[in-house]
Amino acid sequence: MGHDWVFEVLTDMKSYARRHGFDDLAARLEETEHAARRDISRADGPGSDTGSDGGSDTGSDTGSDGGSPPPTGLPQRPARGG
């Protein structure tokens, strides 16, 4: 899973912003997604064993690999079927 949760959250936020006519927010979130992809791509560069490609992430990210763990204290989204 790696950093996939970041992009899922940003996608959900962009959808919400567009649905409610928050065009500036939606545009900023689009920019944020691009920045996140660049930053994560650099952080997960060659030789990295983490990332959004299913690397060695076990779902218990502690931030020791330079990434941030998912926020705590927030309601958990149900897993997407697929």
PDB file of N, CA and C in Angstrom:
ATOM      1  N   MET A   1       0.826  -1.187   0.000  1.00  0.00           N
ATOM      2  CA  MET A   1       0.000   0.000   0.000  1.00  0.00           C
ATOM      3  C   MET A   1       0.869   1.249   0.000  1.00  0.00           C
ATOM      4  N   GLY A   2       1.931   1.288   0.732  1.00  0.00           N
ATOM      5  CA  GLY A   2       2.824   2.429   0.716  1.00  0.00           C
ATOM      6  C   GLY A   2       2.125   3.743   0.994  1.00  0.00           C
ATOM      7  N   HIS A   3       2.222   4.632   0.066  1.00  0.00           N
ATOM      8  CA  HIS A   3       1.657   5.966   0.206  1.00  0.00           C
ATOM      9  C   HIS A   3       0.316   6.111  -0.511  1.00  0.00           C
ATOM     10  N   ASP A   4      -0.259   5.030  -0.962  1.00  0.00           N
ATOM     11  CA  ASP A   4      -1.511   5.100  -1.715  1.00  0.00           C
ATOM     12  C   ASP A   4      -2.613   5.828  -0.953  1.00  0.00           C
ATOM     13  N   TRP A   5      -2.625   5.684   0.349  1.00  0.00           N
ATOM     14  CA  TRP A   5      -3.679   6.309   1.148  1.00  0.00           C
ATOM     15  C   TRP A   5      -3.678   7.824   0.975  1.00  0.00           C
ATOM     16  N   VAL A   6      -2.503   8.417   0.745  1.00  0.00           N
ATOM     17  CA  VAL A   6      -2.420   9.863   0.551  1.00  0.00           C
ATOM     18  C   VAL A   6      -3.232  10.264  -0.671  1.00  0.00           C
ATOM     19  N   PHE A   7      -3.066   9.523  -1.756  1.00  0.00           N
ATOM     20  CA  PHE A   7      -3.749   9.859  -2.997  1.00  0.00           C
ATOM     21  C   PHE A   7      -5.243   9.572  -2.918  1.00  0.00           C
ATOM     22  N   GLU A   8      -5.615   8.546  -2.164  1.00  0.00           N
ATOM     23  CA  GLU A   8      -7.040   8.274  -1.971  1.00  0.00           C
ATOM     24  C   GLU A   8      -7.709   9.423  -1.218  1.00  0.00           C
ATOM     25  N   VAL A   9      -7.051   9.933  -0.193  1.00  0.00           N
ATOM     26  CA  VAL A   9      -7.592  11.052   0.581  1.00  0.00           C
ATOM     27  C   VAL A   9      -7.700  12.293  -0.297  1.00  0.00           C
ATOM     28  N   LEU A  10      -6.643  12.596  -1.049  1.00  0.00           N
ATOM     29  CA  LEU A  10      -6.674  13.772  -1.921  1.00  0.00           C
ATOM     30  C   LEU A  10      -7.767  13.650  -2.986  1.00  0.00           C
ATOM     31  N   THR A  11      -7.939  12.460  -3.541  1.00  0.00           N
ATOM     32  CA  THR A  11      -8.985  12.245  -4.538  1.00  0.00           C
ATOM     33  C   THR A  11     -10.364  12.465  -3.928  1.00  0.00           C
ATOM     34  N   ASP A  12     -10.580  11.942  -2.730  1.00  0.00           N
ATOM     35  CA  ASP A  12     -11.860  12.145  -2.048  1.00  0.00           C
ATOM     36  C   ASP A  12     -12.104  13.621  -1.774  1.00  0.00           C
ATOM     37  N   MET A  13     -11.064  14.313  -1.347  1.00  0.00           N
ATOM     38  CA  MET A  13     -11.212  15.740  -1.053  1.00  0.00           C
ATOM     39  C   MET A  13     -11.504  16.544  -2.326  1.00  0.00           C
ATOM     40  N   LYS A  14     -10.831  16.205  -3.423  1.00  0.00           N
ATOM     41  CA  LYS A  14     -11.093  16.893  -4.697  1.00  0.00           C
ATOM     42  C   LYS A  14     -12.530  16.656  -5.145  1.00  0.00           C
ATOM     43  N   SER A  15     -13.012  15.431  -5.025  1.00  0.00           N
ATOM     44  CA  SER A  15     -14.390  15.118  -5.405  1.00  0.00           C
ATOM     45  C   SER A  15     -15.381  15.937  -4.588  1.00  0.00           C
ATOM     46  N   TYR A  16     -15.138  16.007  -3.293  1.00  0.00           N
ATOM     47  CA  TYR A  16     -16.002  16.785  -2.411  1.00  0.00           C
ATOM     48  C   TYR A  16     -15.996  18.255  -2.822  1.00  0.00           C
ATOM     49  N   ALA A  17     -14.807  18.798  -3.060  1.00  0.00           N
ATOM     50  CA  ALA A  17     -14.683  20.211  -3.431  1.00  0.00           C
ATOM     51  C   ALA A  17     -15.415  20.492  -4.739  1.00  0.00           C
ATOM     52  N   ARG A  18     -15.256  19.648  -5.715  1.00  0.00           N
ATOM     53  CA  ARG A  18     -15.931  19.854  -7.012  1.00  0.00           C
ATOM     54  C   ARG A  18     -17.444  19.731  -6.868  1.00  0.00           C
ATOM     55  N   ARG A  19     -17.884  18.739  -6.109  1.00  0.00           N
ATOM     56  CA  ARG A  19     -19.326  18.508  -5.927  1.00  0.00           C
ATOM     57  C   ARG A  19     -20.002  19.705  -5.274  1.00  0.00           C
ATOM     58  N   HIS A  20     -19.268  20.412  -4.434  1.00  0.00           N
ATOM     59  CA  HIS A  20     -19.846  21.542  -3.712  1.00  0.00           C
ATOM     60  C   HIS A  20     -19.458  22.900  -4.302  1.00  0.00           C
ATOM     61  N   GLY A  21     -18.829  22.877  -5.476  1.00  0.00           N
ATOM     62  CA  GLY A  21     -18.506  24.118  -6.158  1.00  0.00           C
ATOM     63  C   GLY A  21     -17.321  24.875  -5.590  1.00  0.00           C
ATOM     64  N   PHE A  22     -16.464  24.184  -4.855  1.00  0.00           N
ATOM     65  CA  PHE A  22     -15.271  24.821  -4.290  1.00  0.00           C
ATOM     66  C   PHE A  22     -14.131  24.713  -5.309  1.00  0.00           C
ATOM     67  N   ASP A  23     -14.240  25.500  -6.379  1.00  0.00           N
ATOM     68  CA  ASP A  23     -13.319  25.367  -7.501  1.00  0.00           C
ATOM     69  C   ASP A  23     -11.875  25.686  -7.132  1.00  0.00           C
ATOM     70  N   ASP A  24     -11.657  26.727  -6.339  1.00  0.00           N
ATOM     71  CA  ASP A  24     -10.292  27.067  -5.936  1.00  0.00           C
ATOM     72  C   ASP A  24      -9.676  25.950  -5.100  1.00  0.00           C
ATOM     73  N   LEU A  25     -10.463  25.410  -4.187  1.00  0.00           N
ATOM     74  CA  LEU A  25      -9.962  24.315  -3.355  1.00  0.00           C
ATOM     75  C   LEU A  25      -9.633  23.102  -4.216  1.00  0.00           C
ATOM     76  N   ALA A  26     -10.515  22.771  -5.155  1.00  0.00           N
ATOM     77  CA  ALA A  26     -10.266  21.627  -6.037  1.00  0.00           C
ATOM     78  C   ALA A  26      -8.973  21.821  -6.827  1.00  0.00           C
ATOM     79  N   ALA A  27      -8.747  23.041  -7.304  1.00  0.00           N
ATOM     80  CA  ALA A  27      -7.519  23.326  -8.053  1.00  0.00           C
ATOM     81  C   ALA A  27      -6.293  23.187  -7.162  1.00  0.00           C
ATOM     82  N   ARG A  28      -6.383  23.672  -5.942  1.00  0.00           N
ATOM     83  CA  ARG A  28      -5.238  23.561  -5.006  1.00  0.00           C
ATOM     84  C   ARG A  28      -4.967  22.097  -4.663  1.00  0.00           C
ATOM     85  N   LEU A  29      -6.026  21.322  -4.500  1.00  0.00           N
ATOM     86  CA  LEU A  29      -5.845  19.906  -4.196  1.00  0.00           C
ATOM     87  C   LEU A  29      -5.204  19.175  -5.378  1.00  0.00           C
ATOM     88  N   GLU A  30      -5.546  19.582  -6.585  1.00  0.00           N
ATOM     89  CA  GLU A  30      -4.906  19.001  -7.777  1.00  0.00           C
ATOM     90  C   GLU A  30      -3.407  19.307  -7.757  1.00  0.00           C
ATOM     91  N   GLU A  31      -3.060  20.550  -7.449  1.00  0.00           N
ATOM     92  CA  GLU A  31      -1.648  20.930  -7.340  1.00  0.00           C
ATOM     93  C   GLU A  31      -0.967  20.135  -6.228  1.00  0.00           C
ATOM     94  N   THR A  32      -1.676  19.964  -5.127  1.00  0.00           N
ATOM     95  CA  THR A  32      -1.129  19.219  -3.993  1.00  0.00           C
ATOM     96  C   THR A  32      -0.866  17.768  -4.375  1.00  0.00           C
ATOM     97  N   GLU A  33      -1.776  17.174  -5.134  1.00  0.00           N
ATOM     98  CA  GLU A  33      -1.570  15.794  -5.568  1.00  0.00           C
ATOM     99  C   GLU A  33      -0.317  15.681  -6.435  1.00  0.00           C
ATOM    100  N   HIS A  34      -0.139  16.627  -7.357  1.00  0.00           N
ATOM    101  CA  HIS A  34       1.055  16.601  -8.205  1.00  0.00           C
ATOM    102  C   HIS A  34       2.327  16.751  -7.364  1.00  0.00           C
ATOM    103  N   ALA A  35       2.294  17.665  -6.390  1.00  0.00           N
ATOM    104  CA  ALA A  35       3.453  17.865  -5.517  1.00  0.00           C
ATOM    105  C   ALA A  35       3.732  16.595  -4.710  1.00  0.00           C
ATOM    106  N   ALA A  36       2.682  15.955  -4.206  1.00  0.00           N
ATOM    107  CA  ALA A  36       2.856  14.727  -3.426  1.00  0.00           C
ATOM    108  C   ALA A  36       3.476  13.633  -4.290  1.00  0.00           C
ATOM    109  N   ARG A  37       3.007  13.509  -5.525  1.00  0.00           N
ATOM    110  CA  ARG A  37       3.569  12.492  -6.414  1.00  0.00           C
ATOM    111  C   ARG A  37       5.053  12.741  -6.674  1.00  0.00           C
ATOM    112  N   ARG A  38       5.420  14.013  -6.886  1.00  0.00           N
ATOM    113  CA  ARG A  38       6.836  14.345  -7.098  1.00  0.00           C
ATOM    114  C   ARG A  38       7.663  14.024  -5.856  1.00  0.00           C
ATOM    115  N   ASP A  39       7.190  14.491  -4.700  1.00  0.00           N
ATOM    116  CA  ASP A  39       7.944  14.287  -3.464  1.00  0.00           C
ATOM    117  C   ASP A  39       8.083  12.803  -3.121  1.00  0.00           C
ATOM    118  N   ILE A  40       6.996  12.083  -3.230  1.00  0.00           N
ATOM    119  CA  ILE A  40       7.025  10.656  -2.891  1.00  0.00           C
ATOM    120  C   ILE A  40       7.890   9.907  -3.892  1.00  0.00           C
ATOM    121  N   SER A  41       7.820  10.297  -5.148  1.00  0.00           N
ATOM    122  CA  SER A  41       8.654   9.666  -6.164  1.00  0.00           C
ATOM    123  C   SER A  41      10.136   9.864  -5.844  1.00  0.00           C
ATOM    124  N   ARG A  42      10.498  11.071  -5.416  1.00  0.00           N
ATOM    125  CA  ARG A  42      11.898  11.338  -5.041  1.00  0.00           C
ATOM    126  C   ARG A  42      12.282  10.537  -3.799  1.00  0.00           C
ATOM    127  N   ALA A  43      11.394  10.502  -2.823  1.00  0.00           N
ATOM    128  CA  ALA A  43      11.687   9.795  -1.572  1.00  0.00           C
ATOM    129  C   ALA A  43      11.786   8.287  -1.796  1.00  0.00           C
ATOM    130  N   ASP A  44      10.986   7.783  -2.742  1.00  0.00           N
ATOM    131  CA  ASP A  44      10.973   6.349  -3.031  1.00  0.00           C
ATOM    132  C   ASP A  44      11.874   6.009  -4.204  1.00  0.00           C
ATOM    133  N   GLY A  45      12.880   6.812  -4.443  1.00  0.00           N
ATOM    134  CA  GLY A  45      13.779   6.631  -5.579  1.00  0.00           C
ATOM    135  C   GLY A  45      14.416   5.259  -5.633  1.00  0.00           C
ATOM    136  N   PRO A  46      15.364   5.102  -6.540  1.00  0.00           N
ATOM    137  CA  PRO A  46      16.031   3.800  -6.709  1.00  0.00           C
ATOM    138  C   PRO A  46      16.573   3.259  -5.391  1.00  0.00           C
ATOM    139  N   GLY A  47      16.373   1.981  -5.190  1.00  0.00           N
ATOM    140  CA  GLY A  47      16.892   1.330  -3.996  1.00  0.00           C
ATOM    141  C   GLY A  47      15.959   1.381  -2.805  1.00  0.00           C
ATOM    142  N   SER A  48      14.849   2.097  -2.949  1.00  0.00           N
ATOM    143  CA  SER A  48      13.902   2.192  -1.841  1.00  0.00           C
ATOM    144  C   SER A  48      13.050   0.934  -1.787  1.00  0.00           C
ATOM    145  N   ASP A  49      12.689   0.513  -0.583  1.00  0.00           N
ATOM    146  CA  ASP A  49      11.830  -0.656  -0.447  1.00  0.00           C
ATOM    147  C   ASP A  49      10.429  -0.276  -0.001  1.00  0.00           C
ATOM    148  N   THR A  50      10.072   0.994  -0.152  1.00  0.00           N
ATOM    149  CA  THR A  50       8.734   1.433   0.200  1.00  0.00           C
ATOM    150  C   THR A  50       8.140   2.160  -0.984  1.00  0.00           C
ATOM    151  N   GLY A  51       6.867   2.489  -0.860  1.00  0.00           N
ATOM    152  CA  GLY A  51       6.242   3.273  -1.912  1.00  0.00           C
ATOM    153  C   GLY A  51       4.885   2.752  -2.286  1.00  0.00           C
ATOM    154  N   SER A  52       4.346   3.312  -3.358  1.00  0.00           N
ATOM    155  CA  SER A  52       2.993   2.993  -3.771  1.00  0.00           C
ATOM    156  C   SER A  52       2.946   1.785  -4.689  1.00  0.00           C
ATOM    157  N   ASP A  53       4.066   1.121  -4.901  1.00  0.00           N
ATOM    158  CA  ASP A  53       4.092  -0.031  -5.790  1.00  0.00           C
ATOM    159  C   ASP A  53       3.917  -1.339  -5.026  1.00  0.00           C
ATOM    160  N   GLY A  54       3.502  -1.241  -3.782  1.00  0.00           N
ATOM    161  CA  GLY A  54       3.286  -2.439  -2.991  1.00  0.00           C
ATOM    162  C   GLY A  54       4.549  -2.961  -2.344  1.00  0.00           C
ATOM    163  N   GLY A  55       5.613  -2.206  -2.352  1.00  0.00           N
ATOM    164  CA  GLY A  55       6.901  -2.575  -1.766  1.00  0.00           C
ATOM    165  C   GLY A  55       6.793  -3.432  -0.528  1.00  0.00           C
ATOM    166  N   SER A  56       7.558  -3.150   0.476  1.00  0.00           N
ATOM    167  CA  SER A  56       7.575  -3.985   1.673  1.00  0.00           C
ATOM    168  C   SER A  56       6.708  -3.414   2.785  1.00  0.00           C
ATOM    169  N   ASP A  57       5.854  -2.484   2.461  1.00  0.00           N
ATOM    170  CA  ASP A  57       5.005  -1.875   3.477  1.00  0.00           C
ATOM    171  C   ASP A  57       4.051  -2.906   4.050  1.00  0.00           C
ATOM    172  N   THR A  58       4.011  -2.998   5.362  1.00  0.00           N
ATOM    173  CA  THR A  58       3.157  -3.978   6.013  1.00  0.00           C
ATOM    174  C   THR A  58       1.907  -3.354   6.592  1.00  0.00           C
ATOM    175  N   GLY A  59       1.707  -2.057   6.340  1.00  0.00           N
ATOM    176  CA  GLY A  59       0.544  -1.386   6.882  1.00  0.00           C
ATOM    177  C   GLY A  59       0.781  -0.827   8.267  1.00  0.00           C
ATOM    178  N   SER A  60       1.974  -0.980   8.805  1.00  0.00           N
ATOM    179  CA  SER A  60       2.275  -0.457  10.133  1.00  0.00           C
ATOM    180  C   SER A  60       3.356   0.604  10.025  1.00  0.00           C
ATOM    181  N   ASP A  61       3.154   1.556   9.127  1.00  0.00           N
ATOM    182  CA  ASP A  61       4.122   2.614   8.868  1.00  0.00           C
ATOM    183  C   ASP A  61       4.343   3.444  10.126  1.00  0.00           C
ATOM    184  N   THR A  62       5.566   3.485  10.569  1.00  0.00           N
ATOM    185  CA  THR A  62       5.890   4.260  11.768  1.00  0.00           C
ATOM    186  C   THR A  62       6.599   5.551  11.434  1.00  0.00           C
ATOM    187  N   GLY A  63       6.791   5.811  10.144  1.00  0.00           N
ATOM    188  CA  GLY A  63       7.480   7.012   9.739  1.00  0.00           C
ATOM    189  C   GLY A  63       8.990   6.839   9.722  1.00  0.00           C
ATOM    190  N   SER A  64       9.500   5.683  10.071  1.00  0.00           N
ATOM    191  CA  SER A  64      10.942   5.484  10.122  1.00  0.00           C
ATOM    192  C   SER A  64      11.579   5.475   8.743  1.00  0.00           C
ATOM    193  N   ASP A  65      10.762   5.312   7.698  1.00  0.00           N
ATOM    194  CA  ASP A  65      11.308   5.313   6.342  1.00  0.00           C
ATOM    195  C   ASP A  65      11.236   6.693   5.707  1.00  0.00           C
ATOM    196  N   GLY A  66      10.951   7.715   6.507  1.00  0.00           N
ATOM    197  CA  GLY A  66      10.855   9.065   5.980  1.00  0.00           C
ATOM    198  C   GLY A  66       9.434   9.436   5.620  1.00  0.00           C
ATOM    199  N   GLY A  67       8.534   8.462   5.554  1.00  0.00           N
ATOM    200  CA  GLY A  67       7.136   8.737   5.261  1.00  0.00           C
ATOM    201  C   GLY A  67       6.394   9.037   6.534  1.00  0.00           C
ATOM    202  N   SER A  68       5.200   9.520   6.378  1.00  0.00           N
ATOM    203  CA  SER A  68       4.380   9.817   7.543  1.00  0.00           C
ATOM    204  C   SER A  68       3.307   8.758   7.686  1.00  0.00           C
ATOM    205  N   PRO A  69       3.024   8.357   8.904  1.00  0.00           N
ATOM    206  CA  PRO A  69       1.932   7.396   9.096  1.00  0.00           C
ATOM    207  C   PRO A  69       0.603   8.086   8.836  1.00  0.00           C
ATOM    208  N   PRO A  70      -0.422   7.315   8.523  1.00  0.00           N
ATOM    209  CA  PRO A  70      -1.743   7.921   8.350  1.00  0.00           C
ATOM    210  C   PRO A  70      -2.163   8.611   9.641  1.00  0.00           C
ATOM    211  N   PRO A  71      -2.981   9.650   9.518  1.00  0.00           N
ATOM    212  CA  PRO A  71      -3.434  10.349  10.722  1.00  0.00           C
ATOM    213  C   PRO A  71      -4.163   9.395  11.657  1.00  0.00           C
ATOM    214  N   THR A  72      -4.029   9.641  12.946  1.00  0.00           N
ATOM    215  CA  THR A  72      -4.738   8.820  13.925  1.00  0.00           C
ATOM    216  C   THR A  72      -5.858   9.630  14.538  1.00  0.00           C
ATOM    217  N   GLY A  73      -6.786   8.961  15.146  1.00  0.00           N
ATOM    218  CA  GLY A  73      -7.892   9.641  15.802  1.00  0.00           C
ATOM    219  C   GLY A  73      -8.990  10.048  14.845  1.00  0.00           C
ATOM    220  N   LEU A  74      -8.873   9.668  13.581  1.00  0.00           N
ATOM    221  CA  LEU A  74      -9.895   9.991  12.598  1.00  0.00           C
ATOM    222  C   LEU A  74     -10.707   8.740  12.308  1.00  0.00           C
ATOM    223  N   PRO A  75     -11.955   8.909  11.921  1.00  0.00           N
ATOM    224  CA  PRO A  75     -12.741   7.728  11.558  1.00  0.00           C
ATOM    225  C   PRO A  75     -12.089   7.017  10.382  1.00  0.00           C
ATOM    226  N   GLN A  76     -12.078   5.708  10.419  1.00  0.00           N
ATOM    227  CA  GLN A  76     -11.483   4.927   9.339  1.00  0.00           C
ATOM    228  C   GLN A  76     -12.488   4.753   8.220  1.00  0.00           C
ATOM    229  N   ARG A  77     -12.016   4.930   6.992  1.00  0.00           N
ATOM    230  CA  ARG A  77     -12.861   4.698   5.835  1.00  0.00           C
ATOM    231  C   ARG A  77     -12.971   3.208   5.608  1.00  0.00           C
ATOM    232  N   PRO A  78     -14.130   2.755   5.153  1.00  0.00           N
ATOM    233  CA  PRO A  78     -14.231   1.339   4.828  1.00  0.00           C
ATOM    234  C   PRO A  78     -13.315   1.015   3.641  1.00  0.00           C
ATOM    235  N   ALA A  79     -12.785  -0.198   3.632  1.00  0.00           N
ATOM    236  CA  ALA A  79     -11.910  -0.609   2.532  1.00  0.00           C
ATOM    237  C   ALA A  79     -12.715  -0.638   1.238  1.00  0.00           C
ATOM    238  N   ARG A  80     -12.071  -0.245   0.160  1.00  0.00           N
ATOM    239  CA  ARG A  80     -12.730  -0.274  -1.140  1.00  0.00           C
ATOM    240  C   ARG A  80     -12.686  -1.680  -1.682  1.00  0.00           C
ATOM    241  N   GLY A  81     -13.803  -2.124  -2.207  1.00  0.00           N
ATOM    242  CA  GLY A  81     -13.866  -3.462  -2.796  1.00  0.00           C
ATOM    243  C   GLY A  81     -13.128  -3.504  -4.122  1.00  0.00           C
ATOM    244  N   GLY A  82     -12.717  -4.648  -4.530  1.00  0.00           N
ATOM    245  CA  GLY A  82     -12.039  -4.663  -5.812  1.00  0.00           C
ATOM    246  C   GLY A  82     -11.392  -5.896  -6.038  1.00  0.00           C
TER     247      GLY A  82
END
